[in-house]
Amino acid sequence: MNYKMKKIHNFSAGPAILPKIAIENSIKALKDFYGTGLSLIEVSHRGKEFVEVMDEARKLPLEILGLNNDYETLFLQGGASLQFCMVPYNFLNQKAAYIKTGVWAGNATKEAKLFGEVEVLASSEDKNYSYIPKDYKISADADYFHCTSNNTIYGTQMHSFPDCEIPMFCDMSSDIFSRKIDASKFDLIYAGAQKNMGPAGTTLVIIKKSLLEKITRKIPSMLDYRTHLNKDSMYNTPSVFAVYCSLQVLKWIKEKGIEKIEADNRIKQQTLYNEIDNNEFFYGTAAKDDRSWMNVTFLMKDDKHNEKFLEMCKEAKIIGIKGHRSAGGFRASLYNALELDSVEALVDVMKNFKP
């Protein structure tokens, strides 16, 4: 087939597509950081120029999410996976409540059990994580409630969040800044940058300052949120390039606006799900009410044709479409920076598929 689209359509689940302006600005900084004549990755993180970068990068998430001075932000290392341990180390004193909605939520639960009792309020593991549990009650005597907003592997997403009398924590690694939410419902939000906010190498943590009063145990300095907050997120050398590039993405998000980003994401996911539901060769894997806007998972009704479909995608310069090894099939990640024409290119391939 002769496809009109010449650009590469990047559906990778992460590290993922970024806005072109963020990449271009980051390349400039690698060559000459703010007119210093040095590369961004050569200058001191204590220097005036990078301190300004960190300060702005910490400020913008609060501004974008509409949070006030009750909250602080950090850029840490270790990905969301380190947060699976760091969260309970700081805040699990007796018991914590978790819902298990995917592999990463399961990993968070596993780590928390090292620090105290973990009550799994609900799980969708019984149906291969194809839905979001809803009939659960949050224990009033738990130290906190933890959820994962989006399941990257199996393609489900929490489209609403429960009212919670105890502190609510959320791993938003793969859908942060993709839609308008009431962020004030949460006491702690964390997100690995590499899926919807920046390159691999840094993790955003948004934390309500009053939470710090709940820390009771002795914690190694590097794993104590207070350590990093007291040092303005620079207790140790931060991932300077990842923070700088994330700042460029945050500026792009602010300029575009969450409302516009959400509207674009709505059109992208509707376009693709509509084709999946009406194409005789494909079907979606996630419960329709819980379908992710960020990670669209689908299978072929006859998987012997998988390779042919992947070859057609390759010809159309569509990459990153193969499903996670534990789920199989296909996964199209529709992160903020992915444009509608890429979704349309994928839909075109699906429409033209013949066994």
Protein backbone atom coordinates (compact mmCIF):
# COMPACT_ATOMS: atom_id res chain seq x y z
CA MET A 1 0.00 0.00 0.00
CA ASN A 2 1.08 3.57 -0.65
CA TYR A 3 0.53 5.58 2.54
CA LYS A 4 0.54 9.37 2.38
CA MET A 5 2.01 9.75 5.85
CA LYS A 6 5.82 9.94 5.79
CA LYS A 7 6.57 10.72 9.41
CA ILE A 8 7.15 8.04 12.03
CA HIS A 9 4.08 7.42 14.18
CA ASN A 10 5.35 6.62 17.67
CA PHE A 11 2.92 4.61 19.81
CA SER A 12 5.58 3.46 22.26
CA ALA A 13 4.39 2.95 25.84
CA GLY A 14 7.54 4.46 27.30
CA PRO A 15 9.99 5.98 26.95
CA ALA A 16 7.37 7.71 24.88
CA ILE A 17 6.77 10.44 22.34
CA LEU A 18 7.51 14.01 23.46
CA PRO A 19 6.53 17.39 22.01
CA LYS A 20 8.99 18.43 19.31
CA ILE A 21 9.57 21.79 20.97
CA ALA A 22 10.71 20.05 24.17
CA ILE A 23 13.24 17.96 22.25
CA GLU A 24 14.49 20.95 20.25
CA ASN A 25 14.96 23.10 23.36
CA SER A 26 16.72 20.26 25.15
CA ILE A 27 19.13 19.77 22.22
CA LYS A 28 19.98 23.48 22.34
CA ALA A 29 20.66 23.24 26.06
CA LEU A 30 22.89 20.22 25.53
CA LYS A 31 24.99 22.35 23.18
CA ASP A 32 24.91 25.64 25.07
CA PHE A 33 23.02 25.96 28.35
CA TYR A 34 21.60 29.46 28.77
CA GLY A 35 24.56 31.10 27.04
CA THR A 36 27.13 29.62 29.42
CA GLY A 37 29.11 28.08 26.57
CA LEU A 38 28.79 24.77 28.38
CA SER A 39 26.42 21.86 27.96
CA LEU A 40 23.49 21.39 30.31
CA ILE A 41 25.08 18.12 31.41
CA GLU A 42 28.39 19.84 32.23
CA VAL A 43 27.30 22.67 34.50
CA SER A 44 26.90 22.54 38.26
CA HIS A 45 23.41 21.74 39.47
CA ARG A 46 24.11 24.29 42.22
CA GLY A 47 24.68 27.05 39.68
CA LYS A 48 22.17 29.87 39.32
CA GLU A 49 21.02 28.72 35.86
CA PHE A 50 20.05 25.20 36.85
CA VAL A 51 18.57 26.25 40.20
CA GLU A 52 16.17 28.40 38.19
CA VAL A 53 15.28 25.37 36.04
CA MET A 54 14.54 23.24 39.10
CA ASP A 55 12.50 25.98 40.76
CA GLU A 56 10.32 26.44 37.68
CA ALA A 57 9.99 22.70 37.11
CA ARG A 58 8.74 22.29 40.68
CA LYS A 59 6.32 25.21 40.41
CA LEU A 60 4.59 24.39 37.13
CA PRO A 61 2.95 21.07 38.13
CA LEU A 62 1.13 22.82 40.96
CA GLU A 63 0.04 25.62 38.65
CA ILE A 64 -1.18 23.22 35.96
CA LEU A 65 -3.10 21.10 38.48
CA GLY A 66 -4.53 24.09 40.33
CA LEU A 67 -2.92 23.22 43.66
CA ASN A 68 -2.12 25.79 46.32
CA ASN A 69 0.75 26.29 48.73
CA ASP A 70 -0.37 23.32 50.82
CA TYR A 71 1.58 21.19 48.35
CA GLU A 72 5.23 20.80 47.39
CA THR A 73 6.87 19.04 44.47
CA LEU A 74 10.02 16.99 44.09
CA PHE A 75 11.99 15.54 41.19
CA LEU A 76 13.52 12.29 42.39
CA GLN A 77 15.23 9.29 40.84
CA GLY A 78 14.44 5.58 40.85
CA GLY A 79 11.23 5.81 38.83
CA ALA A 80 7.77 5.02 40.15
CA SER A 81 9.22 1.68 41.27
CA LEU A 82 11.21 3.38 44.03
CA GLN A 83 8.05 5.19 45.10
CA PHE A 84 6.41 1.78 45.64
CA CYS A 85 8.86 1.41 48.53
CA MET A 86 9.34 5.05 49.53
CA VAL A 87 5.62 5.73 50.06
CA PRO A 88 5.06 2.98 52.67
CA TYR A 89 8.48 3.54 54.25
CA ASN A 90 7.38 7.09 55.08
CA PHE A 91 3.66 6.65 55.74
CA LEU A 92 2.70 3.04 56.48
CA ASN A 93 2.73 2.87 60.25
CA GLN A 94 0.08 0.21 60.91
CA LYS A 95 -2.05 -0.59 57.87
CA ALA A 96 -2.51 0.70 54.32
CA ALA A 97 -5.31 0.10 51.81
CA TYR A 98 -4.55 -0.68 48.16
CA ILE A 99 -6.51 -1.60 45.06
CA LYS A 100 -4.81 -3.96 42.64
CA THR A 101 -5.64 -2.96 39.06
CA GLY A 102 -2.58 -4.14 37.14
CA VAL A 103 1.01 -5.31 37.28
CA TRP A 104 2.38 -2.02 38.60
CA ALA A 105 -0.34 -1.70 41.23
CA GLY A 106 0.54 -5.27 42.23
CA ASN A 107 4.20 -4.33 42.55
CA ALA A 108 3.28 -1.36 44.73
CA THR A 109 1.25 -3.67 46.97
CA LYS A 110 4.12 -6.14 47.24
CA GLU A 111 6.58 -3.48 48.35
CA ALA A 112 4.18 -2.01 50.90
CA LYS A 113 3.88 -5.38 52.64
CA LEU A 114 7.51 -5.01 53.74
CA PHE A 115 6.52 -2.15 56.05
CA GLY A 116 3.20 -3.15 57.59
CA GLU A 117 -0.20 -4.67 57.02
CA VAL A 118 -1.65 -4.17 53.55
CA GLU A 119 -5.35 -4.58 52.94
CA VAL A 120 -6.12 -5.22 49.27
CA LEU A 121 -9.60 -3.74 49.05
CA ALA A 122 -10.26 -4.99 45.52
CA SER A 123 -8.47 -6.59 42.59
CA SER A 124 -9.20 -7.16 38.91
CA GLU A 125 -6.64 -9.92 38.60
CA ASP A 126 -9.47 -12.46 38.32
CA LYS A 127 -10.18 -11.18 34.77
CA ASN A 128 -6.61 -10.45 33.73
CA TYR A 129 -6.85 -6.82 34.88
CA SER A 130 -9.42 -6.02 32.19
CA TYR A 131 -11.57 -3.77 34.40
CA ILE A 132 -11.38 -1.32 37.31
CA PRO A 133 -12.97 -2.58 40.55
CA LYS A 134 -15.59 -0.22 41.94
CA ASP A 135 -17.44 -2.01 44.75
CA TYR A 136 -15.03 -1.53 47.60
CA LYS A 137 -15.03 0.38 50.85
CA ILE A 138 -11.98 2.30 52.00
CA SER A 139 -10.98 1.39 55.53
CA ALA A 140 -11.22 4.38 57.84
CA ASP A 141 -8.49 2.98 60.09
CA ALA A 142 -5.85 2.70 57.34
CA ASP A 143 -2.93 5.12 57.21
CA TYR A 144 -3.63 5.84 53.54
CA PHE A 145 -5.40 4.59 50.42
CA HIS A 146 -3.29 3.89 47.31
CA CYS A 147 -4.50 3.58 43.72
CA THR A 148 -3.00 3.52 40.24
CA SER A 149 -4.87 5.77 37.84
CA ASN A 150 -3.95 4.07 34.58
CA ASN A 151 -2.96 0.50 33.73
CA THR A 152 -0.43 0.72 30.90
CA ILE A 153 -0.18 -3.00 30.21
CA TYR A 154 -3.84 -4.04 30.09
CA GLY A 155 -5.35 -0.72 29.01
CA THR A 156 -7.69 0.31 31.82
CA GLN A 157 -8.06 3.66 33.57
CA MET A 158 -9.81 5.13 36.59
CA HIS A 159 -12.22 7.69 35.11
CA SER A 160 -13.25 8.86 38.58
CA PHE A 161 -11.75 8.67 42.03
CA PRO A 162 -13.45 7.79 45.31
CA ASP A 163 -14.17 10.21 48.09
CA CYS A 164 -11.69 9.37 50.78
CA GLU A 165 -11.60 10.27 54.48
CA ILE A 166 -8.00 9.13 54.82
CA PRO A 167 -5.01 10.36 52.80
CA MET A 168 -5.26 9.26 49.16
CA PHE A 169 -2.12 8.48 47.17
CA CYS A 170 -1.96 7.82 43.43
CA ASP A 171 0.54 6.53 40.92
CA MET A 172 -0.25 8.65 37.83
CA SER A 173 2.81 7.69 35.82
CA SER A 174 1.03 7.11 32.53
CA ASP A 175 -1.80 9.63 32.52
CA ILE A 176 -0.68 12.64 34.52
CA PHE A 177 -1.60 15.97 32.84
CA SER A 178 -3.77 14.14 30.27
CA ARG A 179 -7.12 15.40 31.59
CA LYS A 180 -8.60 17.77 34.12
CA ILE A 181 -8.89 16.28 37.61
CA ASP A 182 -9.51 17.58 41.10
CA ALA A 183 -5.93 17.11 42.25
CA SER A 184 -6.79 18.47 45.70
CA LYS A 185 -8.46 15.12 46.46
CA PHE A 186 -4.98 13.60 46.67
CA ASP A 187 -2.42 13.94 49.40
CA LEU A 188 0.39 12.45 47.33
CA ILE A 189 0.78 11.93 43.57
CA TYR A 190 3.79 10.42 41.88
CA ALA A 191 4.65 9.80 38.25
CA GLY A 192 7.64 8.47 36.37
CA ALA A 193 8.36 11.11 33.73
CA GLN A 194 8.97 8.81 30.77
CA LYS A 195 5.38 8.08 29.81
CA ASN A 196 3.62 11.44 29.55
CA MET A 197 5.87 14.15 30.95
CA GLY A 198 9.50 13.80 29.91
CA PRO A 199 12.40 11.42 29.33
CA ALA A 200 13.39 8.53 31.55
CA GLY A 201 15.48 9.43 34.57
CA THR A 202 13.31 11.46 36.90
CA THR A 203 10.09 11.04 38.86
CA LEU A 204 7.69 13.78 39.86
CA VAL A 205 6.30 13.65 43.40
CA ILE A 206 3.56 16.03 44.53
CA ILE A 207 3.03 15.92 48.25
CA LYS A 208 0.78 17.68 50.74
CA LYS A 209 3.03 19.30 53.31
CA SER A 210 0.85 18.28 56.27
CA LEU A 211 1.62 14.63 55.46
CA LEU A 212 5.15 15.07 56.72
CA GLU A 213 3.80 15.21 60.29
CA LYS A 214 2.68 11.59 59.91
CA ILE A 215 6.22 10.24 59.47
CA THR A 216 7.13 8.40 62.66
CA ARG A 217 9.93 5.93 61.91
CA LYS A 218 13.60 6.55 61.28
CA ILE A 219 14.26 6.51 57.55
CA PRO A 220 17.54 6.60 55.61
CA SER A 221 18.12 10.11 54.29
CA MET A 222 17.73 9.28 50.61
CA LEU A 223 14.34 7.65 51.20
CA ASP A 224 12.92 10.36 53.46
CA TYR A 225 10.71 12.91 51.70
CA ARG A 226 11.65 15.52 54.30
CA THR A 227 15.31 15.28 53.30
CA HIS A 228 14.54 16.17 49.69
CA LEU A 229 12.03 18.89 50.55
CA ASN A 230 14.45 20.52 52.96
CA LYS A 231 17.04 20.67 50.18
CA ASP A 232 14.68 21.96 47.46
CA SER A 233 14.81 18.63 45.62
CA MET A 234 18.60 18.80 45.36
CA TYR A 235 19.83 16.79 48.33
CA ASN A 236 21.91 14.83 45.84
CA THR A 237 22.71 15.61 42.20
CA PRO A 238 19.43 15.48 40.29
CA SER A 239 18.98 14.06 36.80
CA VAL A 240 19.65 17.45 35.24
CA PHE A 241 18.80 16.56 31.65
CA ALA A 242 15.58 14.74 32.56
CA VAL A 243 14.43 17.62 34.75
CA TYR A 244 15.25 20.21 32.08
CA CYS A 245 13.42 18.27 29.37
CA SER A 246 10.46 17.69 31.69
CA LEU A 247 10.32 21.44 32.26
CA GLN A 248 10.06 21.97 28.51
CA VAL A 249 7.14 19.53 28.38
CA LEU A 250 5.47 21.25 31.34
CA LYS A 251 5.78 24.61 29.55
CA TRP A 252 4.16 23.07 26.48
CA ILE A 253 1.33 21.66 28.62
CA LYS A 254 0.76 25.02 30.28
CA GLU A 255 0.69 26.85 26.95
CA LYS A 256 -1.67 24.35 25.35
CA GLY A 257 -3.87 24.06 28.43
CA ILE A 258 -5.25 20.96 30.15
CA GLU A 259 -8.72 21.53 28.67
CA LYS A 260 -7.34 21.44 25.11
CA ILE A 261 -5.14 18.46 25.89
CA GLU A 262 -8.12 16.57 27.31
CA ALA A 263 -10.27 17.45 24.28
CA ASP A 264 -7.57 16.21 21.89
CA ASN A 265 -7.09 13.02 23.89
CA ARG A 266 -10.83 12.38 23.84
CA ILE A 267 -10.91 12.58 20.03
CA LYS A 268 -7.85 10.35 19.65
CA GLN A 269 -9.17 7.55 21.84
CA GLN A 270 -12.67 7.74 20.36
CA THR A 271 -11.24 7.50 16.85
CA LEU A 272 -9.25 4.37 17.63
CA TYR A 273 -11.82 2.60 19.80
CA ASN A 274 -14.48 3.23 17.18
CA GLU A 275 -12.37 1.40 14.60
CA ILE A 276 -11.62 -1.47 16.99
CA ASP A 277 -15.33 -1.92 17.75
CA ASN A 278 -16.37 -1.84 14.11
CA ASN A 279 -13.54 -3.77 12.50
CA GLU A 280 -14.27 -7.45 11.86
CA PHE A 281 -10.68 -8.52 12.57
CA PHE A 282 -10.00 -6.83 15.93
CA TYR A 283 -11.48 -6.55 19.41
CA GLY A 284 -10.64 -4.58 22.54
CA THR A 285 -9.46 -6.27 25.73
CA ALA A 286 -10.59 -3.78 28.38
CA ALA A 287 -14.11 -3.36 29.76
CA LYS A 288 -15.68 -0.52 27.77
CA ASP A 289 -16.48 1.60 30.82
CA ASP A 290 -12.88 1.38 31.99
CA ARG A 291 -10.99 1.79 28.73
CA SER A 292 -7.79 3.78 28.99
CA TRP A 293 -7.41 6.97 27.00
CA MET A 294 -3.64 6.57 27.12
CA ASN A 295 -3.01 2.89 26.36
CA VAL A 296 -5.42 1.23 23.94
CA THR A 297 -5.09 -2.56 24.03
CA PHE A 298 -6.59 -4.84 21.42
CA LEU A 299 -6.24 -8.29 19.86
CA MET A 300 -6.87 -9.97 16.55
CA LYS A 301 -9.73 -12.44 16.46
CA ASP A 302 -7.30 -14.81 14.75
CA ASP A 303 -3.81 -14.22 16.11
CA LYS A 304 -2.15 -16.07 13.23
CA HIS A 305 -2.47 -12.78 11.34
CA ASN A 306 -0.57 -10.75 13.97
CA GLU A 307 2.69 -10.66 12.05
CA LYS A 308 1.03 -9.52 8.85
CA PHE A 309 -0.64 -6.65 10.68
CA LEU A 310 2.66 -5.67 12.30
CA GLU A 311 4.34 -5.70 8.89
CA MET A 312 1.64 -3.40 7.53
CA CYS A 313 2.21 -1.07 10.47
CA LYS A 314 5.93 -1.07 9.81
CA GLU A 315 5.31 -0.15 6.16
CA ALA A 316 3.19 2.77 7.34
CA LYS A 317 6.01 3.86 9.72
CA ILE A 318 3.96 2.96 12.79
CA ILE A 319 6.18 1.83 15.67
CA GLY A 320 5.69 0.70 19.27
CA ILE A 321 2.37 -1.00 18.54
CA LYS A 322 3.20 -4.50 19.77
CA GLY A 323 1.50 -5.40 23.06
CA HIS A 324 3.35 -5.96 26.32
CA ARG A 325 4.93 -9.41 26.55
CA SER A 326 2.57 -10.40 29.37
CA ALA A 327 -0.58 -9.32 27.49
CA GLY A 328 0.19 -10.03 23.84
CA GLY A 329 -1.69 -8.52 20.93
CA PHE A 330 -1.34 -4.81 20.36
CA ARG A 331 -1.09 -1.63 22.40
CA ALA A 332 -1.33 1.90 21.04
CA SER A 333 -0.19 4.52 23.53
CA LEU A 334 -1.91 7.84 22.88
CA TYR A 335 0.11 10.15 25.09
CA ASN A 336 -0.35 13.90 25.00
CA ALA A 337 2.30 14.59 22.36
CA LEU A 338 0.90 12.05 19.89
CA GLU A 339 -1.01 13.86 17.15
CA LEU A 340 -4.35 12.82 15.69
CA ASP A 341 -2.85 12.09 12.27
CA SER A 342 -0.86 9.26 13.84
CA VAL A 343 -4.07 7.69 15.14
CA GLU A 344 -5.62 8.15 11.72
CA ALA A 345 -2.63 6.42 10.12
CA LEU A 346 -3.14 3.41 12.41
CA VAL A 347 -6.87 3.37 11.71
CA ASP A 348 -6.10 3.46 7.98
CA VAL A 349 -3.94 0.34 8.31
CA MET A 350 -6.69 -1.42 10.27
CA LYS A 351 -9.31 -0.49 7.67
CA ASN A 352 -7.11 -1.83 4.87
CA PHE A 353 -6.15 -5.06 6.63
CA LYS A 354 -7.06 -8.24 4.80
CA PRO A 355 -5.90 -11.70 5.92
